[in-house]
Each structure stands twice: as structure tokens, then as C-alpha cells.
Amino acid sequence: MTDQGTWHEAAALGALNEGEPHGIEIAGHHIALYRVGNEYYATSNICTHAEALLSDGILDGCEIECPLHMGRFDIRTGEALTSPVEIDIRTYPVRVAGDRLEVCLSA
């Protein structure tokens, strides 16, 4: 546990393929995991526009495209980038612990 939240095991690094979003659920939070090069990211897995699963979308560099209406988000910041999305998605801190990826959920 940290002052900001609790770290949870999210996935084995080997299960995260570059450019392929990976959806998981931790403690009731729907989270999408991403690998871009040697960097890892985690965001909410639910589009803020139409509640589609972002893990079903297309990852292009550091942008995830919603599979429903093609709105795009920056996975590094959560920023909503293109119409029709207007509300940012939540991002989560991640860290590598051995051969596992961990995600920090707020307290």
C-alpha cells in the first residue's frame, strides 16, 4: 500500500503483446493494459462516450481508438483526442515487478 493507493498484480509481461490492448478487472475496476515498445500503460477500459470496451479497439502508437464510434484517447494521459469523445478516460500508475505488471488503484 502507498499513500496514493494499493498495487495489484495485473498481468504477466509475456501476456501483453505490443499493440494489442488487454482487458482485465481488478477489484471492480475495468482496466485496459497496453504495451508500446518497452513501456506499459493502464487506463479505464470503458469509453466515456458510449461505454464500449477500449480493449476491443485499435491501438495506434499511444492512442487507443474506441471500436464503436472511432473516438481516440491518449493512453499516456487519458486525454480525449477526437470526436465524438469529449471526456478523458482515467489512467492508472503501473510498475514492473519481476515478470509481472502491477497497477495502482486509488485508496
C-alpha atoms as a PDB file:
ATOM      1  CA  MET A   1       0.000   0.000   0.000  1.00  0.00           C
ATOM      2  CA  THR A   2       1.184   3.531  -0.775  1.00  0.00           C
ATOM      3  CA  ASP A   3      -0.159   6.908   0.346  1.00  0.00           C
ATOM      4  CA  GLN A   4      -1.982   7.061  -3.002  1.00  0.00           C
ATOM      5  CA  GLY A   5      -3.387   3.529  -3.177  1.00  0.00           C
ATOM      6  CA  THR A   6      -2.699  -0.169  -3.404  1.00  0.00           C
ATOM      7  CA  TRP A   7      -0.667  -2.040  -6.018  1.00  0.00           C
ATOM      8  CA  HIS A   8      -2.380  -5.034  -7.621  1.00  0.00           C
ATOM      9  CA  GLU A   9      -0.935  -7.731  -9.831  1.00  0.00           C
ATOM     10  CA  ALA A  10      -2.414  -7.147 -13.298  1.00  0.00           C
ATOM     11  CA  ALA A  11      -0.765  -9.498 -15.814  1.00  0.00           C
ATOM     12  CA  ALA A  12       2.328 -11.429 -16.738  1.00  0.00           C
ATOM     13  CA  LEU A  13       4.530  -9.310 -19.001  1.00  0.00           C
ATOM     14  CA  GLY A  14       4.586 -12.167 -21.507  1.00  0.00           C
ATOM     15  CA  ALA A  15       0.792 -11.930 -21.845  1.00  0.00           C
ATOM     16  CA  LEU A  16       0.984  -8.318 -23.064  1.00  0.00           C
ATOM     17  CA  ASN A  17       1.691  -8.190 -26.775  1.00  0.00           C
ATOM     18  CA  GLU A  18       2.835  -4.956 -28.352  1.00  0.00           C
ATOM     19  CA  GLY A  19      -0.029  -3.064 -29.951  1.00  0.00           C
ATOM     20  CA  GLU A  20      -2.744  -5.367 -28.545  1.00  0.00           C
ATOM     21  CA  PRO A  21      -4.918  -3.926 -25.750  1.00  0.00           C
ATOM     22  CA  HIS A  22      -5.610  -6.366 -22.927  1.00  0.00           C
ATOM     23  CA  GLY A  23      -8.744  -6.013 -20.783  1.00  0.00           C
ATOM     24  CA  ILE A  24      -8.838  -7.073 -17.123  1.00  0.00           C
ATOM     25  CA  GLU A  25     -10.884  -6.441 -13.999  1.00  0.00           C
ATOM     26  CA  ILE A  26      -9.308  -5.664 -10.626  1.00  0.00           C
ATOM     27  CA  ALA A  27     -11.449  -5.024  -7.549  1.00  0.00           C
ATOM     28  CA  GLY A  28     -14.405  -3.964  -9.698  1.00  0.00           C
ATOM     29  CA  HIS A  29     -12.333  -1.655 -11.936  1.00  0.00           C
ATOM     30  CA  HIS A  30     -12.427  -2.402 -15.678  1.00  0.00           C
ATOM     31  CA  ILE A  31      -8.876  -1.713 -16.868  1.00  0.00           C
ATOM     32  CA  ALA A  32      -7.165  -1.851 -20.251  1.00  0.00           C
ATOM     33  CA  LEU A  33      -3.443  -2.644 -20.317  1.00  0.00           C
ATOM     34  CA  TYR A  34      -1.166  -1.646 -23.170  1.00  0.00           C
ATOM     35  CA  ARG A  35       2.407  -2.313 -24.234  1.00  0.00           C
ATOM     36  CA  VAL A  36       4.097   0.182 -26.546  1.00  0.00           C
ATOM     37  CA  GLY A  37       7.720  -0.776 -27.102  1.00  0.00           C
ATOM     38  CA  ASN A  38       9.158  -1.340 -23.644  1.00  0.00           C
ATOM     39  CA  GLU A  39       6.608   0.919 -21.948  1.00  0.00           C
ATOM     40  CA  TYR A  40       3.412  -0.187 -20.229  1.00  0.00           C
ATOM     41  CA  TYR A  41       0.218   1.791 -19.609  1.00  0.00           C
ATOM     42  CA  ALA A  42      -3.164   1.271 -17.956  1.00  0.00           C
ATOM     43  CA  THR A  43      -6.424   3.143 -18.467  1.00  0.00           C
ATOM     44  CA  SER A  44     -10.082   2.658 -17.782  1.00  0.00           C
ATOM     45  CA  ASN A  45     -11.357   0.053 -20.226  1.00  0.00           C
ATOM     46  CA  ILE A  46     -14.677   1.854 -20.714  1.00  0.00           C
ATOM     47  CA  CYS A  47     -15.110   4.558 -23.366  1.00  0.00           C
ATOM     48  CA  THR A  48     -16.544   7.748 -21.855  1.00  0.00           C
ATOM     49  CA  HIS A  49     -18.755   8.290 -24.900  1.00  0.00           C
ATOM     50  CA  ALA A  50     -20.645   5.036 -25.392  1.00  0.00           C
ATOM     51  CA  GLU A  51     -19.269   2.635 -22.758  1.00  0.00           C
ATOM     52  CA  ALA A  52     -17.624   0.290 -25.277  1.00  0.00           C
ATOM     53  CA  LEU A  53     -14.624  -1.768 -24.188  1.00  0.00           C
ATOM     54  CA  LEU A  54     -11.449   0.003 -25.280  1.00  0.00           C
ATOM     55  CA  SER A  55      -9.606  -3.326 -25.163  1.00  0.00           C
ATOM     56  CA  ASP A  56     -11.676  -4.228 -28.266  1.00  0.00           C
ATOM     57  CA  GLY A  57     -10.339  -1.126 -30.034  1.00  0.00           C
ATOM     58  CA  ILE A  58      -7.290  -0.442 -32.171  1.00  0.00           C
ATOM     59  CA  LEU A  59      -4.052   0.765 -30.586  1.00  0.00           C
ATOM     60  CA  ASP A  60      -2.060   3.098 -32.838  1.00  0.00           C
ATOM     61  CA  GLY A  61       1.139   4.174 -31.101  1.00  0.00           C
ATOM     62  CA  CYS A  62      -0.057   5.718 -27.837  1.00  0.00           C
ATOM     63  CA  GLU A  63      -3.630   6.267 -28.999  1.00  0.00           C
ATOM     64  CA  ILE A  64      -6.490   3.847 -28.449  1.00  0.00           C
ATOM     65  CA  GLU A  65      -9.457   4.039 -30.802  1.00  0.00           C
ATOM     66  CA  CYS A  66     -12.874   3.109 -29.469  1.00  0.00           C
ATOM     67  CA  PRO A  67     -14.362   0.272 -31.538  1.00  0.00           C
ATOM     68  CA  LEU A  68     -17.843   1.817 -31.544  1.00  0.00           C
ATOM     69  CA  HIS A  69     -17.539   5.380 -32.893  1.00  0.00           C
ATOM     70  CA  MET A  70     -13.781   5.696 -33.521  1.00  0.00           C
ATOM     71  CA  GLY A  71     -13.111   8.325 -30.858  1.00  0.00           C
ATOM     72  CA  ARG A  72      -9.469   8.310 -29.740  1.00  0.00           C
ATOM     73  CA  PHE A  73      -7.723   8.691 -26.376  1.00  0.00           C
ATOM     74  CA  ASP A  74      -4.072   9.170 -25.444  1.00  0.00           C
ATOM     75  CA  ILE A  75      -3.200   6.169 -23.246  1.00  0.00           C
ATOM     76  CA  ARG A  76      -0.395   8.105 -21.514  1.00  0.00           C
ATOM     77  CA  THR A  77      -2.629  10.905 -20.230  1.00  0.00           C
ATOM     78  CA  GLY A  78      -6.206   9.714 -20.797  1.00  0.00           C
ATOM     79  CA  GLU A  79      -6.907  12.812 -22.890  1.00  0.00           C
ATOM     80  CA  ALA A  80      -9.893  12.615 -25.254  1.00  0.00           C
ATOM     81  CA  LEU A  81      -8.420  13.447 -28.672  1.00  0.00           C
ATOM     82  CA  THR A  82     -11.085  13.151 -31.366  1.00  0.00           C
ATOM     83  CA  SER A  83     -14.817  13.450 -31.759  1.00  0.00           C
ATOM     84  CA  PRO A  84     -17.172  12.103 -30.597  1.00  0.00           C
ATOM     85  CA  VAL A  85     -15.296  11.592 -27.300  1.00  0.00           C
ATOM     86  CA  GLU A  86     -15.102  14.693 -25.122  1.00  0.00           C
ATOM     87  CA  ILE A  87     -14.437  13.323 -21.623  1.00  0.00           C
ATOM     88  CA  ASP A  88     -10.991  11.977 -20.722  1.00  0.00           C
ATOM     89  CA  ILE A  89     -10.527   8.413 -19.500  1.00  0.00           C
ATOM     90  CA  ARG A  90      -8.847   7.575 -16.227  1.00  0.00           C
ATOM     91  CA  THR A  91      -5.225   6.459 -16.260  1.00  0.00           C
ATOM     92  CA  TYR A  92      -3.564   4.274 -13.623  1.00  0.00           C
ATOM     93  CA  PRO A  93       0.064   4.143 -12.474  1.00  0.00           C
ATOM     94  CA  VAL A  94       1.853   0.933 -13.463  1.00  0.00           C
ATOM     95  CA  ARG A  95       5.123  -0.698 -12.479  1.00  0.00           C
ATOM     96  CA  VAL A  96       7.038  -3.801 -13.462  1.00  0.00           C
ATOM     97  CA  ALA A  97       7.692  -6.241 -10.624  1.00  0.00           C
ATOM     98  CA  GLY A  98       9.834  -9.087 -11.913  1.00  0.00           C
ATOM     99  CA  ASP A  99       7.940 -10.636 -14.809  1.00  0.00           C
ATOM    100  CA  ARG A 100       4.585  -9.101 -13.785  1.00  0.00           C
ATOM    101  CA  LEU A 101       2.845  -5.787 -14.384  1.00  0.00           C
ATOM    102  CA  GLU A 102       1.193  -4.139 -11.393  1.00  0.00           C
ATOM    103  CA  VAL A 103      -1.465  -1.414 -11.384  1.00  0.00           C
ATOM    104  CA  CYS A 104      -2.075   1.048  -8.551  1.00  0.00           C
ATOM    105  CA  LEU A 105      -5.688   1.693  -7.594  1.00  0.00           C
ATOM    106  CA  SER A 106      -6.538   4.763  -5.550  1.00  0.00           C
ATOM    107  CA  ALA A 107      -7.428   4.348  -1.918  1.00  0.00           C
END
